[in-house]
Amino acid sequence: MEDNQILELEEQKSGLGKVEISPEVIEVIAGIAAQEVEGIATLRGSFATDVAERLGRKNHGKGVKVDLDESGIIVDVSVIIVYGASVPEVANLVQMNIKQTLQTMTAIQLEAINVHVVGVQFESTEPAKDE
């Protein structure tokens, strides 16, 4: 994906001009929509995004990759689910929530939403100590 790719929306009847959406905006919207789903512990980003978060920079597009090509828009999401959650059910809910959120906010039709489950987060088994 080139850095300067911009998605142009169909021009509305108002004739006021055109609307362009950066792929980074789609990544942020899809990332927030994925984190809203119950059963998702976190999204898995690259090493660079993990380091940036540790330094205090929040990245809402972490773990989301958007590809714009001739066939359409493809969104890839890498997630870590909570132990005990149904993987197919959670993945399906992530796909539906991303599709609905992007359709509502941008009117964009997606070619595919691929969910990659890259880990499982276990609950802490140690009881909290009273001081």
N, C-alpha and C. Protein backbone atom coordinates (compact mmCIF):
# COMPACT_ATOMS: atom_id res chain seq x y z
N MET A 1 0.84 -1.18 0.00
CA MET A 1 0.00 0.00 0.00
C MET A 1 0.88 1.24 0.00
N GLU A 2 0.61 2.15 -0.88
CA GLU A 2 1.37 3.39 -0.93
C GLU A 2 0.92 4.33 0.17
N ASP A 3 1.86 5.18 0.62
CA ASP A 3 1.54 6.11 1.69
C ASP A 3 0.57 7.19 1.26
N ASN A 4 0.55 7.52 -0.03
CA ASN A 4 -0.28 8.63 -0.48
C ASN A 4 -1.63 8.21 -1.02
N GLN A 5 -2.03 6.96 -0.82
CA GLN A 5 -3.34 6.52 -1.30
C GLN A 5 -4.43 7.16 -0.46
N ILE A 6 -5.42 7.67 -1.14
CA ILE A 6 -6.56 8.29 -0.48
C ILE A 6 -7.80 7.70 -1.11
N LEU A 7 -8.78 7.39 -0.29
CA LEU A 7 -10.04 6.85 -0.78
C LEU A 7 -10.99 7.99 -1.05
N GLU A 8 -11.47 8.08 -2.27
CA GLU A 8 -12.43 9.13 -2.61
C GLU A 8 -13.84 8.56 -2.52
N LEU A 9 -14.70 9.25 -1.82
CA LEU A 9 -16.10 8.85 -1.72
C LEU A 9 -16.85 9.38 -2.94
N GLU A 10 -17.94 8.70 -3.26
CA GLU A 10 -18.75 9.17 -4.39
C GLU A 10 -19.28 10.56 -4.09
N GLU A 11 -19.23 11.41 -5.09
CA GLU A 11 -19.65 12.79 -4.91
C GLU A 11 -21.16 12.85 -4.70
N GLN A 12 -21.56 13.57 -3.69
CA GLN A 12 -22.97 13.71 -3.37
C GLN A 12 -23.62 14.74 -4.29
N LYS A 13 -24.92 14.81 -4.28
CA LYS A 13 -25.67 15.70 -5.15
C LYS A 13 -25.52 17.17 -4.77
N SER A 14 -24.93 17.46 -3.61
CA SER A 14 -24.82 18.85 -3.17
C SER A 14 -23.89 19.67 -4.05
N GLY A 15 -22.92 19.00 -4.70
CA GLY A 15 -22.01 19.70 -5.58
C GLY A 15 -21.02 20.60 -4.87
N LEU A 16 -20.80 20.39 -3.60
CA LEU A 16 -19.90 21.24 -2.82
C LEU A 16 -18.43 20.84 -2.96
N GLY A 17 -18.17 19.71 -3.53
CA GLY A 17 -16.80 19.25 -3.66
C GLY A 17 -16.70 17.77 -3.35
N LYS A 18 -15.47 17.29 -3.22
CA LYS A 18 -15.29 15.87 -2.96
C LYS A 18 -14.81 15.62 -1.54
N VAL A 19 -15.03 14.40 -1.08
CA VAL A 19 -14.61 13.98 0.25
C VAL A 19 -13.60 12.86 0.07
N GLU A 20 -12.45 12.99 0.72
CA GLU A 20 -11.42 11.97 0.68
C GLU A 20 -11.14 11.47 2.09
N ILE A 21 -10.92 10.16 2.19
CA ILE A 21 -10.64 9.56 3.50
C ILE A 21 -9.31 8.83 3.42
N SER A 22 -8.43 9.12 4.35
CA SER A 22 -7.14 8.48 4.43
C SER A 22 -7.30 7.05 4.97
N PRO A 23 -6.49 6.10 4.51
CA PRO A 23 -6.54 4.74 5.05
C PRO A 23 -6.30 4.69 6.57
N GLU A 24 -5.53 5.65 7.09
CA GLU A 24 -5.27 5.69 8.53
C GLU A 24 -6.55 5.95 9.31
N VAL A 25 -7.46 6.72 8.74
CA VAL A 25 -8.75 6.99 9.39
C VAL A 25 -9.57 5.70 9.45
N ILE A 26 -9.54 4.94 8.37
CA ILE A 26 -10.26 3.66 8.35
C ILE A 26 -9.65 2.71 9.38
N GLU A 27 -8.33 2.72 9.51
CA GLU A 27 -7.67 1.88 10.51
C GLU A 27 -8.11 2.23 11.92
N VAL A 28 -8.19 3.52 12.22
CA VAL A 28 -8.60 3.95 13.56
C VAL A 28 -10.04 3.55 13.84
N ILE A 29 -10.94 3.78 12.89
CA ILE A 29 -12.35 3.43 13.08
C ILE A 29 -12.49 1.92 13.27
N ALA A 30 -11.81 1.14 12.44
CA ALA A 30 -11.89 -0.32 12.55
C ALA A 30 -11.29 -0.81 13.86
N GLY A 31 -10.20 -0.19 14.31
CA GLY A 31 -9.57 -0.59 15.57
C GLY A 31 -10.47 -0.34 16.77
N ILE A 32 -11.12 0.81 16.79
CA ILE A 32 -12.03 1.11 17.90
C ILE A 32 -13.23 0.19 17.87
N ALA A 33 -13.76 -0.08 16.66
CA ALA A 33 -14.91 -0.99 16.53
C ALA A 33 -14.56 -2.39 16.99
N ALA A 34 -13.35 -2.86 16.70
CA ALA A 34 -12.94 -4.20 17.11
C ALA A 34 -12.79 -4.29 18.62
N GLN A 35 -12.27 -3.24 19.25
CA GLN A 35 -12.07 -3.26 20.70
C GLN A 35 -13.38 -3.19 21.47
N GLU A 36 -14.46 -2.76 20.82
CA GLU A 36 -15.76 -2.69 21.48
C GLU A 36 -16.38 -4.06 21.69
N VAL A 37 -15.92 -5.08 20.97
CA VAL A 37 -16.52 -6.40 21.02
C VAL A 37 -16.11 -7.12 22.30
N GLU A 38 -17.10 -7.68 22.98
CA GLU A 38 -16.82 -8.44 24.20
C GLU A 38 -16.08 -9.72 23.83
N GLY A 39 -15.01 -10.01 24.52
CA GLY A 39 -14.19 -11.18 24.24
C GLY A 39 -12.84 -10.80 23.64
N ILE A 40 -12.70 -9.53 23.22
CA ILE A 40 -11.43 -9.06 22.70
C ILE A 40 -10.64 -8.46 23.86
N ALA A 41 -9.43 -8.99 24.10
CA ALA A 41 -8.57 -8.46 25.15
C ALA A 41 -7.85 -7.22 24.65
N THR A 42 -7.25 -7.33 23.48
CA THR A 42 -6.52 -6.21 22.88
C THR A 42 -6.26 -6.51 21.42
N LEU A 43 -5.78 -5.51 20.71
CA LEU A 43 -5.34 -5.71 19.34
C LEU A 43 -3.83 -5.83 19.34
N ARG A 44 -3.28 -6.60 18.41
CA ARG A 44 -1.84 -6.83 18.37
C ARG A 44 -1.24 -5.98 17.27
N GLY A 45 -0.39 -5.08 17.65
CA GLY A 45 0.30 -4.23 16.69
C GLY A 45 1.70 -4.72 16.43
N SER A 46 2.46 -3.92 15.73
CA SER A 46 3.85 -4.25 15.45
C SER A 46 4.71 -3.87 16.65
N PHE A 47 5.97 -4.21 16.58
CA PHE A 47 6.91 -3.88 17.65
C PHE A 47 6.99 -2.37 17.85
N ALA A 48 6.99 -1.63 16.75
CA ALA A 48 7.10 -0.17 16.83
C ALA A 48 5.89 0.45 17.52
N THR A 49 4.70 -0.03 17.24
CA THR A 49 3.51 0.53 17.90
C THR A 49 3.48 0.16 19.37
N ASP A 50 3.97 -1.04 19.71
CA ASP A 50 4.03 -1.43 21.13
C ASP A 50 5.00 -0.55 21.90
N VAL A 51 6.15 -0.22 21.30
CA VAL A 51 7.12 0.66 21.96
C VAL A 51 6.54 2.06 22.11
N ALA A 52 5.88 2.55 21.07
CA ALA A 52 5.30 3.89 21.12
C ALA A 52 4.23 3.98 22.21
N GLU A 53 3.43 2.90 22.39
CA GLU A 53 2.42 2.91 23.45
C GLU A 53 3.05 2.93 24.83
N ARG A 54 4.16 2.22 24.99
CA ARG A 54 4.84 2.23 26.28
C ARG A 54 5.40 3.60 26.62
N LEU A 55 5.68 4.39 25.59
CA LEU A 55 6.17 5.75 25.80
C LEU A 55 5.04 6.75 25.95
N GLY A 56 3.80 6.27 25.96
CA GLY A 56 2.67 7.14 26.23
C GLY A 56 1.89 7.59 25.02
N ARG A 57 2.22 7.11 23.84
CA ARG A 57 1.50 7.53 22.64
C ARG A 57 0.44 6.48 22.31
N LYS A 58 -0.83 6.84 22.38
CA LYS A 58 -1.92 5.93 22.11
C LYS A 58 -2.13 5.80 20.60
N ASN A 59 -2.24 4.56 20.12
CA ASN A 59 -2.43 4.31 18.70
C ASN A 59 -3.70 3.48 18.53
N HIS A 60 -4.79 4.13 18.12
CA HIS A 60 -6.07 3.42 17.98
C HIS A 60 -6.12 2.55 16.74
N GLY A 61 -5.22 2.75 15.80
CA GLY A 61 -5.19 1.93 14.59
C GLY A 61 -4.29 0.72 14.71
N LYS A 62 -3.76 0.50 15.89
CA LYS A 62 -2.84 -0.62 16.13
C LYS A 62 -3.53 -1.95 15.85
N GLY A 63 -2.85 -2.83 15.15
CA GLY A 63 -3.39 -4.15 14.87
C GLY A 63 -4.33 -4.19 13.68
N VAL A 64 -4.47 -3.08 12.96
CA VAL A 64 -5.37 -3.01 11.81
C VAL A 64 -4.56 -2.60 10.59
N LYS A 65 -4.77 -3.31 9.50
CA LYS A 65 -4.12 -2.98 8.24
C LYS A 65 -5.19 -2.85 7.17
N VAL A 66 -5.14 -1.77 6.40
CA VAL A 66 -6.11 -1.52 5.34
C VAL A 66 -5.39 -1.57 4.00
N ASP A 67 -5.90 -2.38 3.08
CA ASP A 67 -5.36 -2.47 1.73
C ASP A 67 -6.40 -1.96 0.74
N LEU A 68 -5.99 -1.01 -0.09
CA LEU A 68 -6.84 -0.49 -1.15
C LEU A 68 -6.31 -1.04 -2.47
N ASP A 69 -7.11 -1.83 -3.16
CA ASP A 69 -6.69 -2.31 -4.47
C ASP A 69 -7.87 -2.32 -5.43
N GLU A 70 -7.67 -2.91 -6.61
CA GLU A 70 -8.70 -2.88 -7.64
C GLU A 70 -9.99 -3.57 -7.22
N SER A 71 -9.87 -4.65 -6.43
CA SER A 71 -11.06 -5.41 -6.04
C SER A 71 -11.85 -4.73 -4.93
N GLY A 72 -11.25 -3.81 -4.21
CA GLY A 72 -11.95 -3.11 -3.14
C GLY A 72 -11.07 -2.89 -1.93
N ILE A 73 -11.71 -2.68 -0.80
CA ILE A 73 -10.99 -2.40 0.44
C ILE A 73 -10.98 -3.66 1.29
N ILE A 74 -9.79 -4.05 1.72
CA ILE A 74 -9.63 -5.24 2.56
C ILE A 74 -9.04 -4.79 3.89
N VAL A 75 -9.70 -5.17 4.98
CA VAL A 75 -9.26 -4.82 6.33
C VAL A 75 -8.78 -6.10 7.02
N ASP A 76 -7.55 -6.06 7.53
CA ASP A 76 -7.00 -7.16 8.32
C ASP A 76 -6.85 -6.70 9.75
N VAL A 77 -7.39 -7.49 10.69
CA VAL A 77 -7.35 -7.15 12.11
C VAL A 77 -6.69 -8.29 12.87
N SER A 78 -5.66 -7.97 13.66
CA SER A 78 -4.99 -8.96 14.50
C SER A 78 -5.41 -8.75 15.94
N VAL A 79 -6.03 -9.78 16.54
CA VAL A 79 -6.60 -9.62 17.88
C VAL A 79 -6.06 -10.67 18.84
N ILE A 80 -6.15 -10.33 20.12
CA ILE A 80 -5.90 -11.27 21.20
C ILE A 80 -7.22 -11.39 21.94
N ILE A 81 -7.71 -12.64 22.07
CA ILE A 81 -9.01 -12.83 22.70
C ILE A 81 -8.84 -13.26 24.15
N VAL A 82 -9.90 -13.10 24.90
CA VAL A 82 -9.93 -13.50 26.30
C VAL A 82 -10.13 -15.01 26.38
N TYR A 83 -9.40 -15.65 27.27
CA TYR A 83 -9.53 -17.10 27.44
C TYR A 83 -10.97 -17.45 27.80
N GLY A 84 -11.51 -18.46 27.14
CA GLY A 84 -12.86 -18.91 27.40
C GLY A 84 -13.87 -18.38 26.41
N ALA A 85 -13.52 -17.38 25.64
CA ALA A 85 -14.44 -16.83 24.64
C ALA A 85 -14.43 -17.73 23.41
N SER A 86 -15.56 -17.81 22.74
CA SER A 86 -15.68 -18.60 21.52
C SER A 86 -15.00 -17.85 20.37
N VAL A 87 -13.96 -18.44 19.83
CA VAL A 87 -13.19 -17.78 18.78
C VAL A 87 -14.05 -17.47 17.54
N PRO A 88 -14.79 -18.44 16.99
CA PRO A 88 -15.60 -18.11 15.82
C PRO A 88 -16.66 -17.04 16.09
N GLU A 89 -17.26 -17.10 17.27
CA GLU A 89 -18.31 -16.13 17.61
C GLU A 89 -17.72 -14.72 17.77
N VAL A 90 -16.61 -14.61 18.48
CA VAL A 90 -15.97 -13.31 18.69
C VAL A 90 -15.48 -12.75 17.36
N ALA A 91 -14.86 -13.59 16.52
CA ALA A 91 -14.36 -13.13 15.22
C ALA A 91 -15.51 -12.64 14.34
N ASN A 92 -16.63 -13.35 14.35
CA ASN A 92 -17.80 -12.93 13.59
C ASN A 92 -18.35 -11.60 14.09
N LEU A 93 -18.39 -11.43 15.41
CA LEU A 93 -18.86 -10.16 15.98
C LEU A 93 -17.92 -9.01 15.62
N VAL A 94 -16.62 -9.27 15.58
CA VAL A 94 -15.65 -8.24 15.18
C VAL A 94 -15.91 -7.84 13.74
N GLN A 95 -16.10 -8.82 12.86
CA GLN A 95 -16.37 -8.52 11.45
C GLN A 95 -17.65 -7.69 11.29
N MET A 96 -18.70 -8.10 11.98
CA MET A 96 -19.98 -7.39 11.85
C MET A 96 -19.88 -5.97 12.41
N ASN A 97 -19.20 -5.80 13.55
CA ASN A 97 -19.09 -4.47 14.17
C ASN A 97 -18.25 -3.53 13.31
N ILE A 98 -17.16 -4.02 12.75
CA ILE A 98 -16.34 -3.19 11.87
C ILE A 98 -17.13 -2.79 10.63
N LYS A 99 -17.82 -3.75 10.02
CA LYS A 99 -18.60 -3.47 8.82
C LYS A 99 -19.68 -2.42 9.10
N GLN A 100 -20.41 -2.61 10.18
CA GLN A 100 -21.50 -1.69 10.52
C GLN A 100 -20.96 -0.29 10.86
N THR A 101 -19.89 -0.23 11.62
CA THR A 101 -19.33 1.06 12.03
C THR A 101 -18.79 1.83 10.82
N LEU A 102 -18.04 1.15 9.95
CA LEU A 102 -17.50 1.82 8.77
C LEU A 102 -18.61 2.24 7.82
N GLN A 103 -19.65 1.41 7.69
CA GLN A 103 -20.77 1.77 6.83
C GLN A 103 -21.50 2.99 7.37
N THR A 104 -21.70 3.05 8.68
CA THR A 104 -22.40 4.17 9.30
C THR A 104 -21.59 5.46 9.21
N MET A 105 -20.29 5.38 9.49
CA MET A 105 -19.48 6.59 9.57
C MET A 105 -18.98 7.09 8.23
N THR A 106 -18.75 6.17 7.26
CA THR A 106 -18.11 6.58 6.02
C THR A 106 -18.86 6.18 4.76
N ALA A 107 -19.86 5.32 4.85
CA ALA A 107 -20.61 4.79 3.70
C ALA A 107 -19.69 3.99 2.77
N ILE A 108 -18.63 3.40 3.31
CA ILE A 108 -17.69 2.61 2.51
C ILE A 108 -18.14 1.14 2.51
N GLN A 109 -18.10 0.54 1.33
CA GLN A 109 -18.37 -0.89 1.19
C GLN A 109 -17.03 -1.62 1.21
N LEU A 110 -16.91 -2.64 2.04
CA LEU A 110 -15.68 -3.40 2.18
C LEU A 110 -15.73 -4.67 1.35
N GLU A 111 -14.59 -5.05 0.80
CA GLU A 111 -14.48 -6.31 0.06
C GLU A 111 -14.36 -7.48 1.06
N ALA A 112 -13.52 -7.30 2.11
CA ALA A 112 -13.31 -8.37 3.09
C ALA A 112 -12.81 -7.77 4.40
N ILE A 113 -13.17 -8.47 5.49
CA ILE A 113 -12.65 -8.16 6.82
C ILE A 113 -12.06 -9.47 7.35
N ASN A 114 -10.75 -9.52 7.43
CA ASN A 114 -10.06 -10.72 7.88
C ASN A 114 -9.64 -10.54 9.33
N VAL A 115 -10.06 -11.48 10.18
CA VAL A 115 -9.71 -11.43 11.60
C VAL A 115 -8.66 -12.50 11.86
N HIS A 116 -7.53 -12.08 12.38
CA HIS A 116 -6.43 -12.99 12.72
C HIS A 116 -6.31 -13.05 14.23
N VAL A 117 -6.62 -14.22 14.81
CA VAL A 117 -6.48 -14.40 16.26
C VAL A 117 -5.03 -14.82 16.50
N VAL A 118 -4.27 -13.93 17.13
CA VAL A 118 -2.83 -14.17 17.30
C VAL A 118 -2.45 -14.50 18.73
N GLY A 119 -3.43 -14.54 19.63
CA GLY A 119 -3.10 -14.87 21.01
C GLY A 119 -4.33 -14.98 21.88
N VAL A 120 -4.10 -15.51 23.08
CA VAL A 120 -5.16 -15.66 24.09
C VAL A 120 -4.64 -15.05 25.37
N GLN A 121 -5.46 -14.22 26.00
CA GLN A 121 -5.08 -13.62 27.29
C GLN A 121 -5.79 -14.37 28.39
N PHE A 122 -5.00 -14.85 29.35
CA PHE A 122 -5.55 -15.57 30.48
C PHE A 122 -5.85 -14.61 31.61
N GLU A 123 -6.85 -14.94 32.39
CA GLU A 123 -7.19 -14.13 33.57
C GLU A 123 -6.12 -14.33 34.62
N SER A 124 -5.88 -13.32 35.42
CA SER A 124 -4.93 -13.43 36.51
C SER A 124 -5.51 -14.34 37.58
N THR A 125 -4.76 -15.37 37.98
CA THR A 125 -5.25 -16.31 38.98
C THR A 125 -4.84 -15.95 40.40
N GLU A 126 -3.98 -14.95 40.54
CA GLU A 126 -3.53 -14.55 41.87
C GLU A 126 -4.56 -13.61 42.49
N PRO A 127 -5.00 -13.89 43.73
CA PRO A 127 -5.93 -12.96 44.38
C PRO A 127 -5.24 -11.66 44.77
N ALA A 128 -5.99 -10.60 44.76
CA ALA A 128 -5.44 -9.29 45.12
C ALA A 128 -5.08 -9.29 46.61
N LYS A 129 -3.91 -8.76 46.94
CA LYS A 129 -3.46 -8.74 48.32
C LYS A 129 -3.89 -7.44 48.97
N ASP A 130 -4.40 -7.56 50.18
CA ASP A 130 -4.79 -6.36 50.94
C ASP A 130 -3.57 -5.86 51.69
N GLU A 131 -3.37 -4.55 51.64
CA GLU A 131 -2.21 -3.98 52.34
C GLU A 131 -2.66 -3.24 53.56
